[in-house]
Amino acid sequence: RRMASGLLQAGWPVGFLLAAATAYFVVPALGWRAMFLIAAVPAILV
């Protein structure tokens, strides 16, 4: 559980990192609104 605790929290910087990497490419090309549309896609994981 202690190692799993660290791995679970690692999900937050991974998500933040993916957001920054996505913004790097998407915002200059498609604008800031596109970021929120992209964020809606992973709901299929339900």
ModelCIF file with pLDDT and N, C-alpha, C, O atoms, coordinates in Angstrom:
data_MODEL
#
_entry.id   MODEL 
#
_entity.id                         1 
_entity.type                       polymer 
_entity.pdbx_number_of_molecules   1 
#
_entity_poly.entity_id                      1 
_entity_poly.type                           'polypeptide(L)' 
_entity_poly.nstd_linkage                   no 
_entity_poly.nstd_monomer                   no 
_entity_poly.pdbx_seq_one_letter_code       RRMASGLLQAGWPVGFLLAAATAYFVVPALGWRAMFLIAAVPAILV 
_entity_poly.pdbx_seq_one_letter_code_can   RRMASGLLQAGWPVGFLLAAATAYFVVPALGWRAMFLIAAVPAILV 
_entity_poly.pdbx_strand_id                 A 
#
loop_
_entity_poly_seq.entity_id 
_entity_poly_seq.num 
_entity_poly_seq.mon_id 
_entity_poly_seq.hetero 
1 1  ARG n 
1 2  ARG n 
1 3  MET n 
1 4  ALA n 
1 5  SER n 
1 6  GLY n 
1 7  LEU n 
1 8  LEU n 
1 9  GLN n 
1 10 ALA n 
1 11 GLY n 
1 12 TRP n 
1 13 PRO n 
1 14 VAL n 
1 15 GLY n 
1 16 PHE n 
1 17 LEU n 
1 18 LEU n 
1 19 ALA n 
1 20 ALA n 
1 21 ALA n 
1 22 THR n 
1 23 ALA n 
1 24 TYR n 
1 25 PHE n 
1 26 VAL n 
1 27 VAL n 
1 28 PRO n 
1 29 ALA n 
1 30 LEU n 
1 31 GLY n 
1 32 TRP n 
1 33 ARG n 
1 34 ALA n 
1 35 MET n 
1 36 PHE n 
1 37 LEU n 
1 38 ILE n 
1 39 ALA n 
1 40 ALA n 
1 41 VAL n 
1 42 PRO n 
1 43 ALA n 
1 44 ILE n 
1 45 LEU n 
1 46 VAL n 
#
_struct_asym.id          A 
_struct_asym.entity_id   1 
#
loop_
_ma_qa_metric.id 
_ma_qa_metric.mode 
_ma_qa_metric.name 
_ma_qa_metric.software_group_id 
_ma_qa_metric.type 
1 global pLDDT . pLDDT 
2 local  pLDDT . pLDDT 
#
_ma_qa_metric_global.metric_id      1 
_ma_qa_metric_global.metric_value   86.57 
_ma_qa_metric_global.model_id       1 
_ma_qa_metric_global.ordinal_id     1 
#
loop_
_ma_qa_metric_local.label_asym_id 
_ma_qa_metric_local.label_comp_id 
_ma_qa_metric_local.label_seq_id 
_ma_qa_metric_local.metric_id 
_ma_qa_metric_local.metric_value 
_ma_qa_metric_local.model_id 
_ma_qa_metric_local.ordinal_id 
A ARG 1  2 74.00 1 1  
A ARG 2  2 71.00 1 2  
A MET 3  2 75.00 1 3  
A ALA 4  2 78.00 1 4  
A SER 5  2 74.00 1 5  
A GLY 6  2 76.00 1 6  
A LEU 7  2 81.00 1 7  
A LEU 8  2 82.00 1 8  
A GLN 9  2 80.00 1 9  
A ALA 10 2 84.00 1 10 
A GLY 11 2 86.00 1 11 
A TRP 12 2 87.00 1 12 
A PRO 13 2 90.00 1 13 
A VAL 14 2 90.00 1 14 
A GLY 15 2 90.00 1 15 
A PHE 16 2 90.00 1 16 
A LEU 17 2 91.00 1 17 
A LEU 18 2 92.00 1 18 
A ALA 19 2 93.00 1 19 
A ALA 20 2 92.00 1 20 
A ALA 21 2 93.00 1 21 
A THR 22 2 94.00 1 22 
A ALA 23 2 94.00 1 23 
A TYR 24 2 93.00 1 24 
A PHE 25 2 94.00 1 25 
A VAL 26 2 94.00 1 26 
A VAL 27 2 93.00 1 27 
A PRO 28 2 92.00 1 28 
A ALA 29 2 93.00 1 29 
A LEU 30 2 94.00 1 30 
A GLY 31 2 94.00 1 31 
A TRP 32 2 95.00 1 32 
A ARG 33 2 96.00 1 33 
A ALA 34 2 96.00 1 34 
A MET 35 2 95.00 1 35 
A PHE 36 2 94.00 1 36 
A LEU 37 2 92.00 1 37 
A ILE 38 2 92.00 1 38 
A ALA 39 2 88.00 1 39 
A ALA 40 2 85.00 1 40 
A VAL 41 2 82.00 1 41 
A PRO 42 2 73.00 1 42 
A ALA 43 2 71.00 1 43 
A ILE 44 2 74.00 1 44 
A LEU 45 2 73.00 1 45 
A VAL 46 2 72.00 1 46 
#
loop_
_atom_site.group_PDB 
_atom_site.id 
_atom_site.type_symbol 
_atom_site.label_atom_id 
_atom_site.label_alt_id 
_atom_site.label_comp_id 
_atom_site.label_asym_id 
_atom_site.label_entity_id 
_atom_site.label_seq_id 
_atom_site.pdbx_PDB_ins_code 
_atom_site.Cartn_x 
_atom_site.Cartn_y 
_atom_site.Cartn_z 
_atom_site.occupancy 
_atom_site.B_iso_or_equiv 
_atom_site.pdbx_formal_charge 
_atom_site.auth_seq_id 
_atom_site.auth_comp_id 
_atom_site.auth_asym_id 
_atom_site.auth_atom_id 
_atom_site.pdbx_PDB_model_num 
ATOM 1   N N  . ARG A 1 1  ? 0.790   -1.230 0.000   1.00 74.00 ? 1  ARG A N  1 
ATOM 2   C CA . ARG A 1 1  ? 0.000   0.000  0.000   1.00 74.00 ? 1  ARG A CA 1 
ATOM 3   C C  . ARG A 1 1  ? 0.820   1.276  0.000   1.00 74.00 ? 1  ARG A C  1 
ATOM 4   O O  . ARG A 1 1  ? 0.402   2.268  -0.599  1.00 74.00 ? 1  ARG A O  1 
ATOM 5   N N  . ARG A 1 2  ? 1.972   1.283  0.653   1.00 71.00 ? 2  ARG A N  1 
ATOM 6   C CA . ARG A 1 2  ? 2.745   2.523  0.671   1.00 71.00 ? 2  ARG A CA 1 
ATOM 7   C C  . ARG A 1 2  ? 3.314   2.840  -0.707  1.00 71.00 ? 2  ARG A C  1 
ATOM 8   O O  . ARG A 1 2  ? 3.258   3.984  -1.157  1.00 71.00 ? 2  ARG A O  1 
ATOM 9   N N  . MET A 1 3  ? 3.858   1.832  -1.371  1.00 75.00 ? 3  MET A N  1 
ATOM 10  C CA . MET A 1 3  ? 4.331   2.063  -2.730  1.00 75.00 ? 3  MET A CA 1 
ATOM 11  C C  . MET A 1 3  ? 3.161   2.379  -3.656  1.00 75.00 ? 3  MET A C  1 
ATOM 12  O O  . MET A 1 3  ? 3.267   3.234  -4.536  1.00 75.00 ? 3  MET A O  1 
ATOM 13  N N  . ALA A 1 4  ? 2.047   1.683  -3.451  1.00 78.00 ? 4  ALA A N  1 
ATOM 14  C CA . ALA A 1 4  ? 0.861   1.957  -4.268  1.00 78.00 ? 4  ALA A CA 1 
ATOM 15  C C  . ALA A 1 4  ? 0.357   3.375  -4.038  1.00 78.00 ? 4  ALA A C  1 
ATOM 16  O O  . ALA A 1 4  ? -0.166  4.004  -4.959  1.00 78.00 ? 4  ALA A O  1 
ATOM 17  N N  . SER A 1 5  ? 0.509   3.883  -2.820  1.00 74.00 ? 5  SER A N  1 
ATOM 18  C CA . SER A 1 5  ? 0.109   5.257  -2.514  1.00 74.00 ? 5  SER A CA 1 
ATOM 19  C C  . SER A 1 5  ? 0.884   6.252  -3.378  1.00 74.00 ? 5  SER A C  1 
ATOM 20  O O  . SER A 1 5  ? 0.308   7.177  -3.952  1.00 74.00 ? 5  SER A O  1 
ATOM 21  N N  . GLY A 1 6  ? 2.207   6.044  -3.461  1.00 76.00 ? 6  GLY A N  1 
ATOM 22  C CA . GLY A 1 6  ? 3.017   6.913  -4.309  1.00 76.00 ? 6  GLY A CA 1 
ATOM 23  C C  . GLY A 1 6  ? 2.635   6.802  -5.768  1.00 76.00 ? 6  GLY A C  1 
ATOM 24  O O  . GLY A 1 6  ? 2.575   7.806  -6.477  1.00 76.00 ? 6  GLY A O  1 
ATOM 25  N N  . LEU A 1 7  ? 2.372   5.570  -6.228  1.00 81.00 ? 7  LEU A N  1 
ATOM 26  C CA . LEU A 1 7  ? 1.983   5.374  -7.626  1.00 81.00 ? 7  LEU A CA 1 
ATOM 27  C C  . LEU A 1 7  ? 0.642   6.021  -7.928  1.00 81.00 ? 7  LEU A C  1 
ATOM 28  O O  . LEU A 1 7  ? 0.446   6.587  -9.003  1.00 81.00 ? 7  LEU A O  1 
ATOM 29  N N  . LEU A 1 8  ? -0.288  5.935  -6.971  1.00 82.00 ? 8  LEU A N  1 
ATOM 30  C CA . LEU A 1 8  ? -1.597  6.550  -7.189  1.00 82.00 ? 8  LEU A CA 1 
ATOM 31  C C  . LEU A 1 8  ? -1.462  8.057  -7.344  1.00 82.00 ? 8  LEU A C  1 
ATOM 32  O O  . LEU A 1 8  ? -2.037  8.641  -8.261  1.00 82.00 ? 8  LEU A O  1 
ATOM 33  N N  . GLN A 1 9  ? -0.706  8.689  -6.456  1.00 80.00 ? 9  GLN A N  1 
ATOM 34  C CA . GLN A 1 9  ? -0.519  10.130 -6.553  1.00 80.00 ? 9  GLN A CA 1 
ATOM 35  C C  . GLN A 1 9  ? 0.266   10.521 -7.797  1.00 80.00 ? 9  GLN A C  1 
ATOM 36  O O  . GLN A 1 9  ? 0.164   11.654 -8.267  1.00 80.00 ? 9  GLN A O  1 
ATOM 37  N N  . ALA A 1 10 ? 1.049   9.586  -8.332  1.00 84.00 ? 10 ALA A N  1 
ATOM 38  C CA . ALA A 1 10 ? 1.780   9.859  -9.573  1.00 84.00 ? 10 ALA A CA 1 
ATOM 39  C C  . ALA A 1 10 ? 0.815   10.140 -10.723 1.00 84.00 ? 10 ALA A C  1 
ATOM 40  O O  . ALA A 1 10 ? 1.196   10.744 -11.725 1.00 84.00 ? 10 ALA A O  1 
ATOM 41  N N  . GLY A 1 11 ? -0.434  9.700  -10.574 1.00 86.00 ? 11 GLY A N  1 
ATOM 42  C CA . GLY A 1 11 ? -1.421  9.980  -11.613 1.00 86.00 ? 11 GLY A CA 1 
ATOM 43  C C  . GLY A 1 11 ? -1.674  11.463 -11.793 1.00 86.00 ? 11 GLY A C  1 
ATOM 44  O O  . GLY A 1 11 ? -1.997  11.907 -12.895 1.00 86.00 ? 11 GLY A O  1 
ATOM 45  N N  . TRP A 1 12 ? -1.528  12.253 -10.702 1.00 87.00 ? 12 TRP A N  1 
ATOM 46  C CA . TRP A 1 12 ? -1.781  13.691 -10.821 1.00 87.00 ? 12 TRP A CA 1 
ATOM 47  C C  . TRP A 1 12 ? -0.738  14.379 -11.700 1.00 87.00 ? 12 TRP A C  1 
ATOM 48  O O  . TRP A 1 12 ? -1.121  15.061 -12.651 1.00 87.00 ? 12 TRP A O  1 
ATOM 49  N N  . PRO A 1 13 ? 0.583   14.231 -11.423 1.00 90.00 ? 13 PRO A N  1 
ATOM 50  C CA . PRO A 1 13 ? 1.552   14.872 -12.322 1.00 90.00 ? 13 PRO A CA 1 
ATOM 51  C C  . PRO A 1 13 ? 1.500   14.330 -13.741 1.00 90.00 ? 13 PRO A C  1 
ATOM 52  O O  . PRO A 1 13 ? 1.797   15.055 -14.691 1.00 90.00 ? 13 PRO A O  1 
ATOM 53  N N  . VAL A 1 14 ? 1.124   13.056 -13.898 1.00 90.00 ? 14 VAL A N  1 
ATOM 54  C CA . VAL A 1 14 ? 0.969   12.518 -15.258 1.00 90.00 ? 14 VAL A CA 1 
ATOM 55  C C  . VAL A 1 14 ? -0.144  13.264 -15.982 1.00 90.00 ? 14 VAL A C  1 
ATOM 56  O O  . VAL A 1 14 ? 0.007   13.634 -17.147 1.00 90.00 ? 14 VAL A O  1 
ATOM 57  N N  . GLY A 1 15 ? -1.274  13.488 -15.287 1.00 90.00 ? 15 GLY A N  1 
ATOM 58  C CA . GLY A 1 15 ? -2.374  14.225 -15.895 1.00 90.00 ? 15 GLY A CA 1 
ATOM 59  C C  . GLY A 1 15 ? -2.007  15.662 -16.205 1.00 90.00 ? 15 GLY A C  1 
ATOM 60  O O  . GLY A 1 15 ? -2.344  16.172 -17.273 1.00 90.00 ? 15 GLY A O  1 
ATOM 61  N N  . PHE A 1 16 ? -1.319  16.321 -15.283 1.00 90.00 ? 16 PHE A N  1 
ATOM 62  C CA . PHE A 1 16 ? -0.869  17.703 -15.479 1.00 90.00 ? 16 PHE A CA 1 
ATOM 63  C C  . PHE A 1 16 ? 0.134   17.763 -16.633 1.00 90.00 ? 16 PHE A C  1 
ATOM 64  O O  . PHE A 1 16 ? 0.081   18.666 -17.467 1.00 90.00 ? 16 PHE A O  1 
ATOM 65  N N  . LEU A 1 17 ? 1.047   16.791 -16.669 1.00 91.00 ? 17 LEU A N  1 
ATOM 66  C CA . LEU A 1 17 ? 2.038   16.732 -17.745 1.00 91.00 ? 17 LEU A CA 1 
ATOM 67  C C  . LEU A 1 17 ? 1.363   16.554 -19.106 1.00 91.00 ? 17 LEU A C  1 
ATOM 68  O O  . LEU A 1 17 ? 1.725   17.213 -20.081 1.00 91.00 ? 17 LEU A O  1 
ATOM 69  N N  . LEU A 1 18 ? 0.381   15.658 -19.159 1.00 92.00 ? 18 LEU A N  1 
ATOM 70  C CA . LEU A 1 18 ? -0.340  15.443 -20.420 1.00 92.00 ? 18 LEU A CA 1 
ATOM 71  C C  . LEU A 1 18 ? -1.097  16.706 -20.843 1.00 92.00 ? 18 LEU A C  1 
ATOM 72  O O  . LEU A 1 18 ? -1.188  17.019 -22.030 1.00 92.00 ? 18 LEU A O  1 
ATOM 73  N N  . ALA A 1 19 ? -1.635  17.421 -19.856 1.00 93.00 ? 19 ALA A N  1 
ATOM 74  C CA . ALA A 1 19 ? -2.334  18.669 -20.168 1.00 93.00 ? 19 ALA A CA 1 
ATOM 75  C C  . ALA A 1 19 ? -1.373  19.693 -20.759 1.00 93.00 ? 19 ALA A C  1 
ATOM 76  O O  . ALA A 1 19 ? -1.697  20.362 -21.740 1.00 93.00 ? 19 ALA A O  1 
ATOM 77  N N  . ALA A 1 20 ? -0.176  19.814 -20.153 1.00 92.00 ? 20 ALA A N  1 
ATOM 78  C CA . ALA A 1 20 ? 0.814   20.774 -20.652 1.00 92.00 ? 20 ALA A CA 1 
ATOM 79  C C  . ALA A 1 20 ? 1.319   20.382 -22.034 1.00 92.00 ? 20 ALA A C  1 
ATOM 80  O O  . ALA A 1 20 ? 1.493   21.239 -22.900 1.00 92.00 ? 20 ALA A O  1 
ATOM 81  N N  . ALA A 1 21 ? 1.555   19.084 -22.243 1.00 93.00 ? 21 ALA A N  1 
ATOM 82  C CA . ALA A 1 21 ? 2.024   18.616 -23.547 1.00 93.00 ? 21 ALA A CA 1 
ATOM 83  C C  . ALA A 1 21 ? 0.954   18.824 -24.619 1.00 93.00 ? 21 ALA A C  1 
ATOM 84  O O  . ALA A 1 21 ? 1.268   19.208 -25.746 1.00 93.00 ? 21 ALA A O  1 
ATOM 85  N N  . THR A 1 22 ? -0.300  18.574 -24.271 1.00 94.00 ? 22 THR A N  1 
ATOM 86  C CA . THR A 1 22 ? -1.402  18.801 -25.205 1.00 94.00 ? 22 THR A CA 1 
ATOM 87  C C  . THR A 1 22 ? -1.540  20.279 -25.534 1.00 94.00 ? 22 THR A C  1 
ATOM 88  O O  . THR A 1 22 ? -1.738  20.653 -26.690 1.00 94.00 ? 22 THR A O  1 
ATOM 89  N N  . ALA A 1 23 ? -1.434  21.121 -24.500 1.00 94.00 ? 23 ALA A N  1 
ATOM 90  C CA . ALA A 1 23 ? -1.536  22.566 -24.717 1.00 94.00 ? 23 ALA A CA 1 
ATOM 91  C C  . ALA A 1 23 ? -0.417  23.081 -25.616 1.00 94.00 ? 23 ALA A C  1 
ATOM 92  O O  . ALA A 1 23 ? -0.619  24.002 -26.408 1.00 94.00 ? 23 ALA A O  1 
ATOM 93  N N  . TYR A 1 24 ? 0.750   22.485 -25.489 1.00 93.00 ? 24 TYR A N  1 
ATOM 94  C CA . TYR A 1 24 ? 1.908   22.910 -26.296 1.00 93.00 ? 24 TYR A CA 1 
ATOM 95  C C  . TYR A 1 24 ? 1.582   22.841 -27.785 1.00 93.00 ? 24 TYR A C  1 
ATOM 96  O O  . TYR A 1 24 ? 1.972   23.718 -28.556 1.00 93.00 ? 24 TYR A O  1 
ATOM 97  N N  . PHE A 1 25 ? 0.865   21.794 -28.181 1.00 94.00 ? 25 PHE A N  1 
ATOM 98  C CA . PHE A 1 25 ? 0.540   21.613 -29.597 1.00 94.00 ? 25 PHE A CA 1 
ATOM 99  C C  . PHE A 1 25 ? -0.833  22.186 -29.977 1.00 94.00 ? 25 PHE A C  1 
ATOM 100 O O  . PHE A 1 25 ? -0.995  22.749 -31.059 1.00 94.00 ? 25 PHE A O  1 
ATOM 101 N N  . VAL A 1 26 ? -1.813  22.040 -29.087 1.00 94.00 ? 26 VAL A N  1 
ATOM 102 C CA . VAL A 1 26 ? -3.194  22.359 -29.440 1.00 94.00 ? 26 VAL A CA 1 
ATOM 103 C C  . VAL A 1 26 ? -3.484  23.859 -29.377 1.00 94.00 ? 26 VAL A C  1 
ATOM 104 O O  . VAL A 1 26 ? -4.094  24.410 -30.294 1.00 94.00 ? 26 VAL A O  1 
ATOM 105 N N  . VAL A 1 27 ? -3.052  24.520 -28.306 1.00 93.00 ? 27 VAL A N  1 
ATOM 106 C CA . VAL A 1 27 ? -3.416  25.929 -28.130 1.00 93.00 ? 27 VAL A CA 1 
ATOM 107 C C  . VAL A 1 27 ? -2.945  26.817 -29.283 1.00 93.00 ? 27 VAL A C  1 
ATOM 108 O O  . VAL A 1 27 ? -3.738  27.611 -29.787 1.00 93.00 ? 27 VAL A O  1 
ATOM 109 N N  . PRO A 1 28 ? -1.672  26.713 -29.724 1.00 92.00 ? 28 PRO A N  1 
ATOM 110 C CA . PRO A 1 28 ? -1.256  27.551 -30.862 1.00 92.00 ? 28 PRO A CA 1 
ATOM 111 C C  . PRO A 1 28 ? -2.010  27.240 -32.142 1.00 92.00 ? 28 PRO A C  1 
ATOM 112 O O  . PRO A 1 28 ? -2.247  28.137 -32.951 1.00 92.00 ? 28 PRO A O  1 
ATOM 113 N N  . ALA A 1 29 ? -2.392  25.979 -32.342 1.00 93.00 ? 29 ALA A N  1 
ATOM 114 C CA . ALA A 1 29 ? -3.026  25.569 -33.595 1.00 93.00 ? 29 ALA A CA 1 
ATOM 115 C C  . ALA A 1 29 ? -4.546  25.740 -33.585 1.00 93.00 ? 29 ALA A C  1 
ATOM 116 O O  . ALA A 1 29 ? -5.125  26.186 -34.576 1.00 93.00 ? 29 ALA A O  1 
ATOM 117 N N  . LEU A 1 30 ? -5.194  25.388 -32.471 1.00 94.00 ? 30 LEU A N  1 
ATOM 118 C CA . LEU A 1 30 ? -6.657  25.348 -32.437 1.00 94.00 ? 30 LEU A CA 1 
ATOM 119 C C  . LEU A 1 30 ? -7.279  26.281 -31.406 1.00 94.00 ? 30 LEU A C  1 
ATOM 120 O O  . LEU A 1 30 ? -8.501  26.422 -31.359 1.00 94.00 ? 30 LEU A O  1 
ATOM 121 N N  . GLY A 1 31 ? -6.467  26.910 -30.593 1.00 94.00 ? 31 GLY A N  1 
ATOM 122 C CA . GLY A 1 31 ? -6.998  27.814 -29.581 1.00 94.00 ? 31 GLY A CA 1 
ATOM 123 C C  . GLY A 1 31 ? -7.273  27.118 -28.259 1.00 94.00 ? 31 GLY A C  1 
ATOM 124 O O  . GLY A 1 31 ? -7.257  25.889 -28.184 1.00 94.00 ? 31 GLY A O  1 
ATOM 125 N N  . TRP A 1 32 ? -7.524  27.904 -27.216 1.00 95.00 ? 32 TRP A N  1 
ATOM 126 C CA . TRP A 1 32 ? -7.673  27.365 -25.865 1.00 95.00 ? 32 TRP A CA 1 
ATOM 127 C C  . TRP A 1 32 ? -8.947  26.546 -25.679 1.00 95.00 ? 32 TRP A C  1 
ATOM 128 O O  . TRP A 1 32 ? -8.969  25.631 -24.857 1.00 95.00 ? 32 TRP A O  1 
ATOM 129 N N  . ARG A 1 33 ? -10.010 26.856 -26.426 1.00 96.00 ? 33 ARG A N  1 
ATOM 130 C CA . ARG A 1 33 ? -11.277 26.130 -26.243 1.00 96.00 ? 33 ARG A CA 1 
ATOM 131 C C  . ARG A 1 33 ? -11.148 24.652 -26.599 1.00 96.00 ? 33 ARG A C  1 
ATOM 132 O O  . ARG A 1 33 ? -11.811 23.808 -25.997 1.00 96.00 ? 33 ARG A O  1 
ATOM 133 N N  . ALA A 1 34 ? -10.308 24.341 -27.562 1.00 96.00 ? 34 ALA A N  1 
ATOM 134 C CA . ALA A 1 34 ? -10.155 22.946 -27.984 1.00 96.00 ? 34 ALA A CA 1 
ATOM 135 C C  . ALA A 1 34 ? -9.675  22.051 -26.849 1.00 96.00 ? 34 ALA A C  1 
ATOM 136 O O  . ALA A 1 34 ? -9.961  20.854 -26.845 1.00 96.00 ? 34 ALA A O  1 
ATOM 137 N N  . MET A 1 35 ? -8.952  22.614 -25.889 1.00 95.00 ? 35 MET A N  1 
ATOM 138 C CA . MET A 1 35 ? -8.463  21.826 -24.758 1.00 95.00 ? 35 MET A CA 1 
ATOM 139 C C  . MET A 1 35 ? -9.617  21.206 -23.970 1.00 95.00 ? 35 MET A C  1 
ATOM 140 O O  . MET A 1 35 ? -9.518  20.071 -23.505 1.00 95.00 ? 35 MET A O  1 
ATOM 141 N N  . PHE A 1 36 ? -10.692 21.943 -23.826 1.00 94.00 ? 36 PHE A N  1 
ATOM 142 C CA . PHE A 1 36 ? -11.826 21.449 -23.047 1.00 94.00 ? 36 PHE A CA 1 
ATOM 143 C C  . PHE A 1 36 ? -12.622 20.403 -23.814 1.00 94.00 ? 36 PHE A C  1 
ATOM 144 O O  . PHE A 1 36 ? -13.226 19.514 -23.214 1.00 94.00 ? 36 PHE A O  1 
ATOM 145 N N  . LEU A 1 37 ? -12.626 20.506 -25.127 1.00 92.00 ? 37 LEU A N  1 
ATOM 146 C CA . LEU A 1 37 ? -13.300 19.488 -25.932 1.00 92.00 ? 37 LEU A CA 1 
ATOM 147 C C  . LEU A 1 37 ? -12.523 18.167 -25.870 1.00 92.00 ? 37 LEU A C  1 
ATOM 148 O O  . LEU A 1 37 ? -13.113 17.092 -25.758 1.00 92.00 ? 37 LEU A O  1 
ATOM 149 N N  . ILE A 1 38 ? -11.205 18.264 -25.945 1.00 92.00 ? 38 ILE A N  1 
ATOM 150 C CA . ILE A 1 38 ? -10.361 17.072 -25.843 1.00 92.00 ? 38 ILE A CA 1 
ATOM 151 C C  . ILE A 1 38 ? -10.547 16.400 -24.486 1.00 92.00 ? 38 ILE A C  1 
ATOM 152 O O  . ILE A 1 38 ? -10.562 15.172 -24.397 1.00 92.00 ? 38 ILE A O  1 
ATOM 153 N N  . ALA A 1 39 ? -10.690 17.203 -23.427 1.00 88.00 ? 39 ALA A N  1 
ATOM 154 C CA . ALA A 1 39 ? -10.823 16.661 -22.070 1.00 88.00 ? 39 ALA A CA 1 
ATOM 155 C C  . ALA A 1 39 ? -12.086 15.832 -21.887 1.00 88.00 ? 39 ALA A C  1 
ATOM 156 O O  . ALA A 1 39 ? -12.166 15.036 -20.952 1.00 88.00 ? 39 ALA A O  1 
ATOM 157 N N  . ALA A 1 40 ? -13.074 16.003 -22.762 1.00 85.00 ? 40 ALA A N  1 
ATOM 158 C CA . ALA A 1 40 ? -14.331 15.268 -22.631 1.00 85.00 ? 40 ALA A CA 1 
ATOM 159 C C  . ALA A 1 40 ? -14.252 13.841 -23.168 1.00 85.00 ? 40 ALA A C  1 
ATOM 160 O O  . ALA A 1 40 ? -15.083 13.001 -22.822 1.00 85.00 ? 40 ALA A O  1 
ATOM 161 N N  . VAL A 1 41 ? -13.262 13.565 -24.006 1.00 82.00 ? 41 VAL A N  1 
ATOM 162 C CA . VAL A 1 41 ? -13.191 12.263 -24.691 1.00 82.00 ? 41 VAL A CA 1 
ATOM 163 C C  . VAL A 1 41 ? -13.024 11.076 -23.748 1.00 82.00 ? 41 VAL A C  1 
ATOM 164 O O  . VAL A 1 41 ? -13.685 10.059 -23.953 1.00 82.00 ? 41 VAL A O  1 
ATOM 165 N N  . PRO A 1 42 ? -12.164 11.154 -22.714 1.00 73.00 ? 42 PRO A N  1 
ATOM 166 C CA . PRO A 1 42 ? -11.913 9.966  -21.889 1.00 73.00 ? 42 PRO A CA 1 
ATOM 167 C C  . PRO A 1 42 ? -13.107 9.443  -21.100 1.00 73.00 ? 42 PRO A C  1 
ATOM 168 O O  . PRO A 1 42 ? -12.970 8.442  -20.396 1.00 73.00 ? 42 PRO A O  1 
ATOM 169 N N  . ALA A 1 43 ? -14.252 10.070 -21.188 1.00 71.00 ? 43 ALA A N  1 
ATOM 170 C CA . ALA A 1 43 ? -15.437 9.557  -20.485 1.00 71.00 ? 43 ALA A CA 1 
ATOM 171 C C  . ALA A 1 43 ? -15.808 8.152  -20.938 1.00 71.00 ? 43 ALA A C  1 
ATOM 172 O O  . ALA A 1 43 ? -16.534 7.447  -20.237 1.00 71.00 ? 43 ALA A O  1 
ATOM 173 N N  . ILE A 1 44 ? -15.318 7.739  -22.100 1.00 74.00 ? 44 ILE A N  1 
ATOM 174 C CA . ILE A 1 44 ? -15.608 6.379  -22.585 1.00 74.00 ? 44 ILE A CA 1 
ATOM 175 C C  . ILE A 1 44 ? -15.004 5.306  -21.665 1.00 74.00 ? 44 ILE A C  1 
ATOM 176 O O  . ILE A 1 44 ? -15.363 4.133  -21.761 1.00 74.00 ? 44 ILE A O  1 
ATOM 177 N N  . LEU A 1 45 ? -14.086 5.711  -20.774 1.00 73.00 ? 45 LEU A N  1 
ATOM 178 C CA . LEU A 1 45 ? -13.497 4.753  -19.838 1.00 73.00 ? 45 LEU A CA 1 
ATOM 179 C C  . LEU A 1 45 ? -14.510 4.234  -18.829 1.00 73.00 ? 45 LEU A C  1 
ATOM 180 O O  . LEU A 1 45 ? -14.241 3.260  -18.125 1.00 73.00 ? 45 LEU A O  1 
ATOM 181 N N  . VAL A 1 46 ? -15.663 4.869  -18.751 1.00 72.00 ? 46 VAL A N  1 
ATOM 182 C CA . VAL A 1 46 ? -16.716 4.393  -17.862 1.00 72.00 ? 46 VAL A CA 1 
ATOM 183 C C  . VAL A 1 46 ? -17.087 2.952  -18.187 1.00 72.00 ? 46 VAL A C  1 
ATOM 184 O O  . VAL A 1 46 ? -17.961 2.378  -17.538 1.00 72.00 ? 46 VAL A O  1 
#
